[in-house]
């Protein structure tokens, strides 16, 4: 079977159009039926569809293309499945309480989700494209291949396990202020985020192998290296947009002001790495300068009660708790 050339030799245009159309369908469903049941599912399954289409369009399937496509399909399917299970159990997603059924807010969400899927899929999309596969491919036994497979395996196991651990903890600890410090969460406050970042950089490492060993040249080599924008984009979202910045300081502020297990949570913050898994006994003794730099606990995440809290509200809630 000859390779299919569509719009460009990088498959970037066709992958964008497929993503745009797929997200448009779910956007229409969410607005017409005023539901948020499929918002996140639309993102996870979109990764699966792009991988299947791009690997199928190129006639000859090398091991690296197949493995990397399977990796992103496994990750996307797992993500979609878990989020669907969670929303079925909870009934709704609180993030969409002020957006549900509204055209413009939902248009904004699906537009961003389109960009997210297309960008994060880029390493696999380009790896599967004619611009790369017109060159002879290296055997699937390079050091980067091995590291990528190990990294992906660790990441997918950690992400799956931590999601289950967090879900079970919430089901068994209904009391206000309970601190999830079990399993992977004893070593990292956000092990699922760390795992997700590890997965995406592993997928990129596998994709960039032909360029790393100079099997491809020119536009193919440049495109493979440039596809690092995918894992960087996801990492930026998790660390500075929709992940840590929305959970760390705001979460600590809420606990402090409402008096919901603040002392236990403050101890947890002190002894548990924000992202990179690390033994709590060692992290607890680590100098602050290393926590703020090497371990990525940047000042924007740190909660200082004197600077960031409503002291009157905290005092009022503390008094009500004693009464």
C-alpha atoms as a PDB file:
ATOM      1  CA  UNK A   1       0.000   0.000   0.000  1.00  0.00           C
ATOM      2  CA  UNK A   2       1.413   3.369  -1.022  1.00  0.00           C
ATOM      3  CA  UNK A   3       1.534   6.205   1.514  1.00  0.00           C
ATOM      4  CA  UNK A   4      -1.317   8.690   1.415  1.00  0.00           C
ATOM      5  CA  UNK A   5      -0.273  12.328   1.005  1.00  0.00           C
ATOM      6  CA  UNK A   6      -2.945  14.704   2.306  1.00  0.00           C
ATOM      7  CA  UNK A   7      -2.511  18.497   2.281  1.00  0.00           C
ATOM      8  CA  UNK A   8       1.072  18.349   3.583  1.00  0.00           C
ATOM      9  CA  UNK A   9       3.789  15.741   4.078  1.00  0.00           C
ATOM     10  CA  UNK A  10       3.748  16.240   7.859  1.00  0.00           C
ATOM     11  CA  UNK A  11       0.076  15.247   8.348  1.00  0.00           C
ATOM     12  CA  UNK A  12      -0.333  18.405  10.437  1.00  0.00           C
ATOM     13  CA  UNK A  13      -3.123  19.943   8.368  1.00  0.00           C
ATOM     14  CA  UNK A  14      -5.223  16.796   8.102  1.00  0.00           C
ATOM     15  CA  UNK A  15      -4.750  15.994  11.789  1.00  0.00           C
ATOM     16  CA  UNK A  16      -5.899  19.499  12.697  1.00  0.00           C
ATOM     17  CA  UNK A  17      -8.986  19.271  10.483  1.00  0.00           C
ATOM     18  CA  UNK A  18      -9.895  15.858  11.903  1.00  0.00           C
ATOM     19  CA  UNK A  19      -9.494  17.181  15.440  1.00  0.00           C
ATOM     20  CA  UNK A  20     -11.508  20.307  14.673  1.00  0.00           C
ATOM     21  CA  UNK A  21     -14.366  18.279  13.196  1.00  0.00           C
ATOM     22  CA  UNK A  22     -14.365  15.726  16.010  1.00  0.00           C
ATOM     23  CA  UNK A  23     -14.436  18.383  18.711  1.00  0.00           C
ATOM     24  CA  UNK A  24     -17.145  20.300  16.825  1.00  0.00           C
ATOM     25  CA  UNK A  25     -19.432  17.252  17.026  1.00  0.00           C
ATOM     26  CA  UNK A  26     -19.034  16.996  20.794  1.00  0.00           C
ATOM     27  CA  UNK A  27     -19.378  20.762  21.172  1.00  0.00           C
ATOM     28  CA  UNK A  28     -22.760  20.564  19.451  1.00  0.00           C
ATOM     29  CA  UNK A  29     -23.832  17.646  21.664  1.00  0.00           C
ATOM     30  CA  UNK A  30     -22.776  19.453  24.843  1.00  0.00           C
ATOM     31  CA  UNK A  31     -24.664  22.641  23.941  1.00  0.00           C
ATOM     32  CA  UNK A  32     -27.816  21.060  22.507  1.00  0.00           C
ATOM     33  CA  UNK A  33     -28.262  18.566  25.343  1.00  0.00           C
ATOM     34  CA  UNK A  34     -26.728  20.802  28.036  1.00  0.00           C
ATOM     35  CA  UNK A  35     -24.451  18.021  29.232  1.00  0.00           C
ATOM     36  CA  UNK A  36     -20.850  17.821  30.355  1.00  0.00           C
ATOM     37  CA  UNK A  37     -20.716  14.013  30.345  1.00  0.00           C
ATOM     38  CA  UNK A  38     -18.618  13.833  27.177  1.00  0.00           C
ATOM     39  CA  UNK A  39     -16.417  16.936  27.365  1.00  0.00           C
ATOM     40  CA  UNK A  40     -13.288  15.175  28.600  1.00  0.00           C
ATOM     41  CA  UNK A  41     -14.078  11.950  26.764  1.00  0.00           C
ATOM     42  CA  UNK A  42     -13.942  13.924  23.514  1.00  0.00           C
ATOM     43  CA  UNK A  43     -10.336  14.840  24.264  1.00  0.00           C
ATOM     44  CA  UNK A  44      -9.046  11.401  25.250  1.00  0.00           C
ATOM     45  CA  UNK A  45     -10.696   9.531  22.380  1.00  0.00           C
ATOM     46  CA  UNK A  46      -9.473  12.134  19.875  1.00  0.00           C
ATOM     47  CA  UNK A  47      -5.884  11.047  20.555  1.00  0.00           C
ATOM     48  CA  UNK A  48      -6.846   7.473  19.693  1.00  0.00           C
ATOM     49  CA  UNK A  49      -8.489   8.502  16.426  1.00  0.00           C
ATOM     50  CA  UNK A  50      -5.548  10.641  15.278  1.00  0.00           C
ATOM     51  CA  UNK A  51      -3.039   7.873  15.974  1.00  0.00           C
ATOM     52  CA  UNK A  52      -5.098   5.269  14.130  1.00  0.00           C
ATOM     53  CA  UNK A  53      -5.651   7.487  11.094  1.00  0.00           C
ATOM     54  CA  UNK A  54      -2.090   8.752  10.747  1.00  0.00           C
ATOM     55  CA  UNK A  55      -0.470   5.342  11.165  1.00  0.00           C
ATOM     56  CA  UNK A  56      -2.978   3.814   8.736  1.00  0.00           C
ATOM     57  CA  UNK A  57      -2.454   6.468   6.054  1.00  0.00           C
ATOM     58  CA  UNK A  58       1.187   5.516   5.665  1.00  0.00           C
ATOM     59  CA  UNK A  59       1.358   2.146   3.947  1.00  0.00           C
ATOM     60  CA  UNK A  60       4.471   0.636   5.544  1.00  0.00           C
ATOM     61  CA  UNK A  61       4.319   0.308   9.319  1.00  0.00           C
ATOM     62  CA  UNK A  62       7.646   0.320  11.163  1.00  0.00           C
ATOM     63  CA  UNK A  63       7.854  -0.978  14.726  1.00  0.00           C
ATOM     64  CA  UNK A  64       8.553   2.478  16.130  1.00  0.00           C
ATOM     65  CA  UNK A  65       5.516   4.021  14.440  1.00  0.00           C
ATOM     66  CA  UNK A  66       3.252   1.235  15.646  1.00  0.00           C
ATOM     67  CA  UNK A  67       4.581   1.249  19.229  1.00  0.00           C
ATOM     68  CA  UNK A  68       4.418   5.034  19.596  1.00  0.00           C
ATOM     69  CA  UNK A  69       0.912   5.086  18.134  1.00  0.00           C
ATOM     70  CA  UNK A  70      -0.155   2.371  20.576  1.00  0.00           C
ATOM     71  CA  UNK A  71       1.384   4.334  23.438  1.00  0.00           C
ATOM     72  CA  UNK A  72      -0.632   7.483  22.772  1.00  0.00           C
ATOM     73  CA  UNK A  73      -3.753   5.411  22.102  1.00  0.00           C
ATOM     74  CA  UNK A  74      -3.364   3.613  25.437  1.00  0.00           C
ATOM     75  CA  UNK A  75      -2.839   6.906  27.237  1.00  0.00           C
ATOM     76  CA  UNK A  76      -5.805   8.596  25.518  1.00  0.00           C
ATOM     77  CA  UNK A  77      -8.148   5.636  26.011  1.00  0.00           C
ATOM     78  CA  UNK A  78      -7.166   5.293  29.680  1.00  0.00           C
ATOM     79  CA  UNK A  79      -7.708   8.995  30.239  1.00  0.00           C
ATOM     80  CA  UNK A  80     -11.097   8.993  28.519  1.00  0.00           C
ATOM     81  CA  UNK A  81     -12.226   5.850  30.331  1.00  0.00           C
ATOM     82  CA  UNK A  82     -11.270   7.076  33.773  1.00  0.00           C
ATOM     83  CA  UNK A  83     -12.849  10.509  33.294  1.00  0.00           C
ATOM     84  CA  UNK A  84     -16.052   8.953  31.924  1.00  0.00           C
ATOM     85  CA  UNK A  85     -16.217   6.574  34.888  1.00  0.00           C
ATOM     86  CA  UNK A  86     -15.682   9.444  37.311  1.00  0.00           C
ATOM     87  CA  UNK A  87     -18.361  11.686  35.844  1.00  0.00           C
ATOM     88  CA  UNK A  88     -20.859   8.822  35.695  1.00  0.00           C
ATOM     89  CA  UNK A  89     -20.254   8.234  39.402  1.00  0.00           C
ATOM     90  CA  UNK A  90     -20.449  11.917  40.372  1.00  0.00           C
ATOM     91  CA  UNK A  91     -23.213  12.874  37.937  1.00  0.00           C
ATOM     92  CA  UNK A  92     -21.640  16.144  36.783  1.00  0.00           C
ATOM     93  CA  UNK A  93     -18.396  18.075  36.487  1.00  0.00           C
ATOM     94  CA  UNK A  94     -18.301  21.080  38.817  1.00  0.00           C
ATOM     95  CA  UNK A  95     -15.942  22.903  36.443  1.00  0.00           C
ATOM     96  CA  UNK A  96     -18.830  23.377  34.025  1.00  0.00           C
ATOM     97  CA  UNK A  97     -21.468  24.612  36.453  1.00  0.00           C
ATOM     98  CA  UNK A  98     -21.268  28.137  35.004  1.00  0.00           C
ATOM     99  CA  UNK A  99     -20.759  26.944  31.402  1.00  0.00           C
ATOM    100  CA  UNK A 100     -23.163  24.047  30.911  1.00  0.00           C
ATOM    101  CA  UNK A 101     -25.327  24.578  27.815  1.00  0.00           C
ATOM    102  CA  UNK A 102     -23.863  28.029  27.083  1.00  0.00           C
ATOM    103  CA  UNK A 103     -22.520  28.485  23.572  1.00  0.00           C
ATOM    104  CA  UNK A 104     -19.597  30.867  24.069  1.00  0.00           C
ATOM    105  CA  UNK A 105     -18.088  29.303  27.226  1.00  0.00           C
ATOM    106  CA  UNK A 106     -18.319  25.832  25.713  1.00  0.00           C
ATOM    107  CA  UNK A 107     -16.924  27.091  22.417  1.00  0.00           C
ATOM    108  CA  UNK A 108     -13.929  28.377  24.338  1.00  0.00           C
ATOM    109  CA  UNK A 109     -13.450  25.022  26.076  1.00  0.00           C
ATOM    110  CA  UNK A 110     -13.674  22.976  22.880  1.00  0.00           C
ATOM    111  CA  UNK A 111     -11.465  25.388  20.948  1.00  0.00           C
ATOM    112  CA  UNK A 112      -8.762  24.995  23.562  1.00  0.00           C
ATOM    113  CA  UNK A 113      -9.274  21.234  23.653  1.00  0.00           C
ATOM    114  CA  UNK A 114      -8.793  21.147  19.874  1.00  0.00           C
ATOM    115  CA  UNK A 115      -5.458  22.944  20.254  1.00  0.00           C
ATOM    116  CA  UNK A 116      -4.466  20.645  23.140  1.00  0.00           C
ATOM    117  CA  UNK A 117      -5.164  17.398  21.274  1.00  0.00           C
ATOM    118  CA  UNK A 118      -3.529  18.542  18.029  1.00  0.00           C
ATOM    119  CA  UNK A 119      -0.403  19.863  19.753  1.00  0.00           C
ATOM    120  CA  UNK A 120       0.160  16.984  22.176  1.00  0.00           C
ATOM    121  CA  UNK A 121      -0.360  14.474  19.327  1.00  0.00           C
ATOM    122  CA  UNK A 122       2.310  16.162  17.228  1.00  0.00           C
ATOM    123  CA  UNK A 123       5.232  13.766  17.948  1.00  0.00           C
ATOM    124  CA  UNK A 124       3.204  10.732  16.826  1.00  0.00           C
ATOM    125  CA  UNK A 125       1.576  12.592  13.932  1.00  0.00           C
ATOM    126  CA  UNK A 126       4.932  13.624  12.466  1.00  0.00           C
ATOM    127  CA  UNK A 127       6.557  10.246  13.152  1.00  0.00           C
ATOM    128  CA  UNK A 128       3.787   8.609  11.108  1.00  0.00           C
ATOM    129  CA  UNK A 129       4.020  11.118   8.255  1.00  0.00           C
ATOM    130  CA  UNK A 130       5.559  10.750   4.752  1.00  0.00           C
ATOM    131  CA  UNK A 131       8.222  13.392   5.501  1.00  0.00           C
ATOM    132  CA  UNK A 132       9.804  11.001   8.036  1.00  0.00           C
ATOM    133  CA  UNK A 133       9.009   7.603   6.559  1.00  0.00           C
ATOM    134  CA  UNK A 134      10.513   8.270   3.150  1.00  0.00           C
ATOM    135  CA  UNK A 135      13.848   7.651   4.905  1.00  0.00           C
ATOM    136  CA  UNK A 136      15.036   4.197   6.043  1.00  0.00           C
ATOM    137  CA  UNK A 137      14.183   3.876   9.718  1.00  0.00           C
ATOM    138  CA  UNK A 138      16.589   2.729  12.454  1.00  0.00           C
ATOM    139  CA  UNK A 139      16.021  -0.641  14.063  1.00  0.00           C
ATOM    140  CA  UNK A 140      13.792  -0.599  17.116  1.00  0.00           C
ATOM    141  CA  UNK A 141      16.621  -1.241  19.573  1.00  0.00           C
ATOM    142  CA  UNK A 142      18.240   2.133  20.168  1.00  0.00           C
ATOM    143  CA  UNK A 143      18.970   3.465  23.660  1.00  0.00           C
ATOM    144  CA  UNK A 144      16.283   6.127  23.251  1.00  0.00           C
ATOM    145  CA  UNK A 145      13.768   3.430  22.284  1.00  0.00           C
ATOM    146  CA  UNK A 146      14.534   1.450  25.428  1.00  0.00           C
ATOM    147  CA  UNK A 147      14.388   4.517  27.675  1.00  0.00           C
ATOM    148  CA  UNK A 148      11.126   5.610  26.074  1.00  0.00           C
ATOM    149  CA  UNK A 149       9.475   2.220  26.628  1.00  0.00           C
ATOM    150  CA  UNK A 150      10.625   2.129  30.269  1.00  0.00           C
ATOM    151  CA  UNK A 151       9.507   5.717  30.838  1.00  0.00           C
ATOM    152  CA  UNK A 152       6.087   5.094  29.315  1.00  0.00           C
ATOM    153  CA  UNK A 153       5.583   1.894  31.332  1.00  0.00           C
ATOM    154  CA  UNK A 154       6.455   3.652  34.595  1.00  0.00           C
ATOM    155  CA  UNK A 155       4.265   6.617  33.699  1.00  0.00           C
ATOM    156  CA  UNK A 156       1.146   4.702  32.683  1.00  0.00           C
ATOM    157  CA  UNK A 157       1.338   2.453  35.756  1.00  0.00           C
ATOM    158  CA  UNK A 158       1.864   5.414  38.074  1.00  0.00           C
ATOM    159  CA  UNK A 159      -0.885   7.500  36.498  1.00  0.00           C
ATOM    160  CA  UNK A 160      -3.405   4.671  36.538  1.00  0.00           C
ATOM    161  CA  UNK A 161      -2.566   3.651  40.099  1.00  0.00           C
ATOM    162  CA  UNK A 162      -2.586   7.197  41.482  1.00  0.00           C
ATOM    163  CA  UNK A 163      -5.962   7.938  39.881  1.00  0.00           C
ATOM    164  CA  UNK A 164      -7.377   4.818  41.509  1.00  0.00           C
ATOM    165  CA  UNK A 165      -5.756   5.654  44.848  1.00  0.00           C
ATOM    166  CA  UNK A 166      -7.188   9.179  44.821  1.00  0.00           C
ATOM    167  CA  UNK A 167     -10.660   7.973  43.828  1.00  0.00           C
ATOM    168  CA  UNK A 168     -10.736   5.303  46.534  1.00  0.00           C
ATOM    169  CA  UNK A 169      -9.468   7.757  49.122  1.00  0.00           C
ATOM    170  CA  UNK A 170     -12.296  10.176  48.351  1.00  0.00           C
ATOM    171  CA  UNK A 171     -14.831   7.365  48.572  1.00  0.00           C
ATOM    172  CA  UNK A 172     -13.584   6.162  51.962  1.00  0.00           C
ATOM    173  CA  UNK A 173     -12.731   9.539  53.541  1.00  0.00           C
ATOM    174  CA  UNK A 174     -15.811  11.716  53.439  1.00  0.00           C
ATOM    175  CA  UNK A 175     -14.757  13.834  56.417  1.00  0.00           C
ATOM    176  CA  UNK A 176     -13.854  17.449  55.701  1.00  0.00           C
ATOM    177  CA  UNK A 177     -10.153  18.192  55.492  1.00  0.00           C
ATOM    178  CA  UNK A 178      -8.950  14.619  54.987  1.00  0.00           C
ATOM    179  CA  UNK A 179      -5.447  14.552  53.483  1.00  0.00           C
ATOM    180  CA  UNK A 180      -4.684  11.995  50.783  1.00  0.00           C
ATOM    181  CA  UNK A 181      -1.177  10.935  51.780  1.00  0.00           C
ATOM    182  CA  UNK A 182      -1.276   7.259  50.875  1.00  0.00           C
ATOM    183  CA  UNK A 183       0.379   5.306  48.079  1.00  0.00           C
ATOM    184  CA  UNK A 184       2.066   7.460  45.461  1.00  0.00           C
ATOM    185  CA  UNK A 185       0.598  10.525  47.191  1.00  0.00           C
ATOM    186  CA  UNK A 186       2.961   9.933  50.108  1.00  0.00           C
ATOM    187  CA  UNK A 187       5.868  10.665  47.758  1.00  0.00           C
ATOM    188  CA  UNK A 188       4.326  13.326  45.534  1.00  0.00           C
ATOM    189  CA  UNK A 189       1.383  15.693  45.970  1.00  0.00           C
ATOM    190  CA  UNK A 190       0.585  15.254  42.263  1.00  0.00           C
ATOM    191  CA  UNK A 191       1.919  11.864  41.098  1.00  0.00           C
ATOM    192  CA  UNK A 192      -0.635  11.740  38.265  1.00  0.00           C
ATOM    193  CA  UNK A 193       0.754  14.993  36.835  1.00  0.00           C
ATOM    194  CA  UNK A 194       4.318  13.739  37.086  1.00  0.00           C
ATOM    195  CA  UNK A 195       3.307  10.501  35.358  1.00  0.00           C
ATOM    196  CA  UNK A 196       1.506  12.364  32.578  1.00  0.00           C
ATOM    197  CA  UNK A 197       4.569  14.501  31.881  1.00  0.00           C
ATOM    198  CA  UNK A 198       6.788  11.398  31.902  1.00  0.00           C
ATOM    199  CA  UNK A 199       4.451   9.661  29.441  1.00  0.00           C
ATOM    200  CA  UNK A 200       4.478  12.535  26.963  1.00  0.00           C
ATOM    201  CA  UNK A 201       8.251  13.001  27.011  1.00  0.00           C
ATOM    202  CA  UNK A 202       8.645   9.216  26.558  1.00  0.00           C
ATOM    203  CA  UNK A 203       6.366   9.339  23.504  1.00  0.00           C
ATOM    204  CA  UNK A 204       8.441  12.233  22.151  1.00  0.00           C
ATOM    205  CA  UNK A 205      11.722  10.404  22.834  1.00  0.00           C
ATOM    206  CA  UNK A 206      10.494   7.421  20.830  1.00  0.00           C
ATOM    207  CA  UNK A 207       9.340   9.667  17.986  1.00  0.00           C
ATOM    208  CA  UNK A 208      12.564  11.667  17.794  1.00  0.00           C
ATOM    209  CA  UNK A 209      14.849   8.595  17.611  1.00  0.00           C
ATOM    210  CA  UNK A 210      15.229   8.701  13.786  1.00  0.00           C
ATOM    211  CA  UNK A 211      16.431  12.298  14.068  1.00  0.00           C
ATOM    212  CA  UNK A 212      18.653  11.586  17.075  1.00  0.00           C
ATOM    213  CA  UNK A 213      20.616   8.985  15.131  1.00  0.00           C
ATOM    214  CA  UNK A 214      20.680  11.012  11.874  1.00  0.00           C
ATOM    215  CA  UNK A 215      18.512   8.612   9.878  1.00  0.00           C
ATOM    216  CA  UNK A 216      16.397  11.539   8.664  1.00  0.00           C
ATOM    217  CA  UNK A 217      17.461  14.937   7.419  1.00  0.00           C
ATOM    218  CA  UNK A 218      16.189  18.364   6.456  1.00  0.00           C
ATOM    219  CA  UNK A 219      12.533  19.066   7.145  1.00  0.00           C
ATOM    220  CA  UNK A 220      11.929  15.634   8.663  1.00  0.00           C
ATOM    221  CA  UNK A 221      14.671  16.065  11.246  1.00  0.00           C
ATOM    222  CA  UNK A 222      13.598  19.607  12.108  1.00  0.00           C
ATOM    223  CA  UNK A 223       9.945  18.563  12.413  1.00  0.00           C
ATOM    224  CA  UNK A 224      10.700  15.676  14.757  1.00  0.00           C
ATOM    225  CA  UNK A 225      12.746  17.897  17.056  1.00  0.00           C
ATOM    226  CA  UNK A 226      10.121  20.652  16.856  1.00  0.00           C
ATOM    227  CA  UNK A 227       7.423  18.197  17.962  1.00  0.00           C
ATOM    228  CA  UNK A 228       8.772  18.614  21.490  1.00  0.00           C
ATOM    229  CA  UNK A 229       6.234  21.440  21.575  1.00  0.00           C
ATOM    230  CA  UNK A 230       3.689  18.683  22.417  1.00  0.00           C
ATOM    231  CA  UNK A 231       5.099  17.556  25.780  1.00  0.00           C
ATOM    232  CA  UNK A 232       6.197  21.122  26.591  1.00  0.00           C
ATOM    233  CA  UNK A 233       2.654  22.390  25.970  1.00  0.00           C
ATOM    234  CA  UNK A 234       1.163  19.718  28.241  1.00  0.00           C
ATOM    235  CA  UNK A 235       3.768  20.358  30.941  1.00  0.00           C
ATOM    236  CA  UNK A 236       3.073  24.095  30.795  1.00  0.00           C
ATOM    237  CA  UNK A 237      -0.649  23.483  31.205  1.00  0.00           C
ATOM    238  CA  UNK A 238      -0.163  21.216  34.204  1.00  0.00           C
ATOM    239  CA  UNK A 239       2.380  23.435  35.934  1.00  0.00           C
ATOM    240  CA  UNK A 240       1.262  26.965  35.119  1.00  0.00           C
ATOM    241  CA  UNK A 241      -2.283  27.046  33.703  1.00  0.00           C
ATOM    242  CA  UNK A 242      -4.864  24.445  34.717  1.00  0.00           C
ATOM    243  CA  UNK A 243      -2.987  22.196  37.126  1.00  0.00           C
ATOM    244  CA  UNK A 244      -0.754  23.151  40.017  1.00  0.00           C
ATOM    245  CA  UNK A 245      -1.579  26.869  40.028  1.00  0.00           C
ATOM    246  CA  UNK A 246      -5.291  26.116  40.481  1.00  0.00           C
ATOM    247  CA  UNK A 247      -4.744  23.533  43.198  1.00  0.00           C
ATOM    248  CA  UNK A 248      -1.732  24.338  45.337  1.00  0.00           C
ATOM    249  CA  UNK A 249      -2.102  27.842  46.811  1.00  0.00           C
ATOM    250  CA  UNK A 250      -5.912  28.050  46.339  1.00  0.00           C
ATOM    251  CA  UNK A 251      -6.335  24.621  47.941  1.00  0.00           C
ATOM    252  CA  UNK A 252      -4.168  25.493  50.922  1.00  0.00           C
ATOM    253  CA  UNK A 253      -5.940  28.851  51.301  1.00  0.00           C
ATOM    254  CA  UNK A 254      -9.335  27.156  51.396  1.00  0.00           C
ATOM    255  CA  UNK A 255      -8.209  24.638  54.006  1.00  0.00           C
ATOM    256  CA  UNK A 256      -6.627  27.308  56.190  1.00  0.00           C
ATOM    257  CA  UNK A 257      -9.572  29.709  56.111  1.00  0.00           C
ATOM    258  CA  UNK A 258     -12.162  26.988  56.688  1.00  0.00           C
ATOM    259  CA  UNK A 259     -10.034  25.189  59.268  1.00  0.00           C
ATOM    260  CA  UNK A 260     -10.357  21.901  57.413  1.00  0.00           C
ATOM    261  CA  UNK A 261      -7.458  19.766  58.639  1.00  0.00           C
ATOM    262  CA  UNK A 262      -4.990  22.594  58.184  1.00  0.00           C
ATOM    263  CA  UNK A 263      -2.331  21.359  60.612  1.00  0.00           C
ATOM    264  CA  UNK A 264      -2.206  17.925  59.028  1.00  0.00           C
ATOM    265  CA  UNK A 265      -2.158  19.446  55.546  1.00  0.00           C
ATOM    266  CA  UNK A 266       0.629  21.904  56.469  1.00  0.00           C
ATOM    267  CA  UNK A 267       2.731  18.961  57.647  1.00  0.00           C
ATOM    268  CA  UNK A 268       1.936  17.168  54.382  1.00  0.00           C
ATOM    269  CA  UNK A 269       3.105  20.196  52.364  1.00  0.00           C
ATOM    270  CA  UNK A 270       6.323  20.323  54.341  1.00  0.00           C
ATOM    271  CA  UNK A 271       7.290  16.678  53.856  1.00  0.00           C
ATOM    272  CA  UNK A 272       5.894  15.843  50.401  1.00  0.00           C
ATOM    273  CA  UNK A 273       7.361  16.848  47.050  1.00  0.00           C
ATOM    274  CA  UNK A 274       4.998  18.872  44.903  1.00  0.00           C
ATOM    275  CA  UNK A 275       5.627  16.893  41.711  1.00  0.00           C
ATOM    276  CA  UNK A 276       8.745  14.691  41.493  1.00  0.00           C
ATOM    277  CA  UNK A 277       8.303  11.572  43.675  1.00  0.00           C
ATOM    278  CA  UNK A 278      10.782  11.587  46.567  1.00  0.00           C
ATOM    279  CA  UNK A 279      10.986   9.913  49.999  1.00  0.00           C
ATOM    280  CA  UNK A 280       9.082  12.147  52.463  1.00  0.00           C
ATOM    281  CA  UNK A 281      11.613  11.614  55.261  1.00  0.00           C
ATOM    282  CA  UNK A 282      14.320  13.107  53.040  1.00  0.00           C
ATOM    283  CA  UNK A 283      12.163  15.820  51.501  1.00  0.00           C
ATOM    284  CA  UNK A 284      11.159  17.027  54.956  1.00  0.00           C
ATOM    285  CA  UNK A 285      14.813  17.776  55.768  1.00  0.00           C
ATOM    286  CA  UNK A 286      15.668  19.273  52.398  1.00  0.00           C
ATOM    287  CA  UNK A 287      16.772  22.943  52.308  1.00  0.00           C
ATOM    288  CA  UNK A 288      14.053  25.282  51.057  1.00  0.00           C
ATOM    289  CA  UNK A 289      16.261  26.531  48.213  1.00  0.00           C
ATOM    290  CA  UNK A 290      16.369  23.010  46.743  1.00  0.00           C
ATOM    291  CA  UNK A 291      12.610  22.586  47.094  1.00  0.00           C
ATOM    292  CA  UNK A 292      12.036  25.906  45.300  1.00  0.00           C
ATOM    293  CA  UNK A 293      14.406  25.065  42.441  1.00  0.00           C
ATOM    294  CA  UNK A 294      15.428  21.457  41.872  1.00  0.00           C
ATOM    295  CA  UNK A 295      12.068  20.063  43.005  1.00  0.00           C
ATOM    296  CA  UNK A 296       9.997  22.703  41.176  1.00  0.00           C
ATOM    297  CA  UNK A 297       8.030  23.980  44.184  1.00  0.00           C
ATOM    298  CA  UNK A 298       8.134  27.515  42.846  1.00  0.00           C
ATOM    299  CA  UNK A 299       7.012  30.487  44.993  1.00  0.00           C
ATOM    300  CA  UNK A 300       3.787  30.834  42.940  1.00  0.00           C
ATOM    301  CA  UNK A 301       2.595  27.569  44.513  1.00  0.00           C
ATOM    302  CA  UNK A 302       3.546  28.349  48.108  1.00  0.00           C
ATOM    303  CA  UNK A 303       0.830  29.449  50.509  1.00  0.00           C
ATOM    304  CA  UNK A 304       1.738  31.932  53.242  1.00  0.00           C
ATOM    305  CA  UNK A 305      -1.182  32.443  55.670  1.00  0.00           C
ATOM    306  CA  UNK A 306       0.008  35.947  56.586  1.00  0.00           C
ATOM    307  CA  UNK A 307       0.031  37.071  52.936  1.00  0.00           C
ATOM    308  CA  UNK A 308      -2.614  35.025  51.175  1.00  0.00           C
ATOM    309  CA  UNK A 309      -5.378  34.268  53.702  1.00  0.00           C
ATOM    310  CA  UNK A 310      -8.390  36.080  55.090  1.00  0.00           C
ATOM    311  CA  UNK A 311      -7.405  35.987  58.759  1.00  0.00           C
ATOM    312  CA  UNK A 312     -10.833  37.088  59.974  1.00  0.00           C
ATOM    313  CA  UNK A 313     -12.516  34.254  58.101  1.00  0.00           C
ATOM    314  CA  UNK A 314      -9.979  31.769  59.449  1.00  0.00           C
ATOM    315  CA  UNK A 315     -10.504  32.996  63.002  1.00  0.00           C
ATOM    316  CA  UNK A 316     -14.275  32.929  62.644  1.00  0.00           C
ATOM    317  CA  UNK A 317     -14.262  29.358  61.316  1.00  0.00           C
ATOM    318  CA  UNK A 318     -11.849  28.293  64.059  1.00  0.00           C
ATOM    319  CA  UNK A 319     -14.189  29.706  66.724  1.00  0.00           C
ATOM    320  CA  UNK A 320     -17.198  28.021  65.147  1.00  0.00           C
ATOM    321  CA  UNK A 321     -15.302  24.744  65.117  1.00  0.00           C
ATOM    322  CA  UNK A 322     -14.653  24.974  68.862  1.00  0.00           C
ATOM    323  CA  UNK A 323     -18.278  25.761  69.662  1.00  0.00           C
END
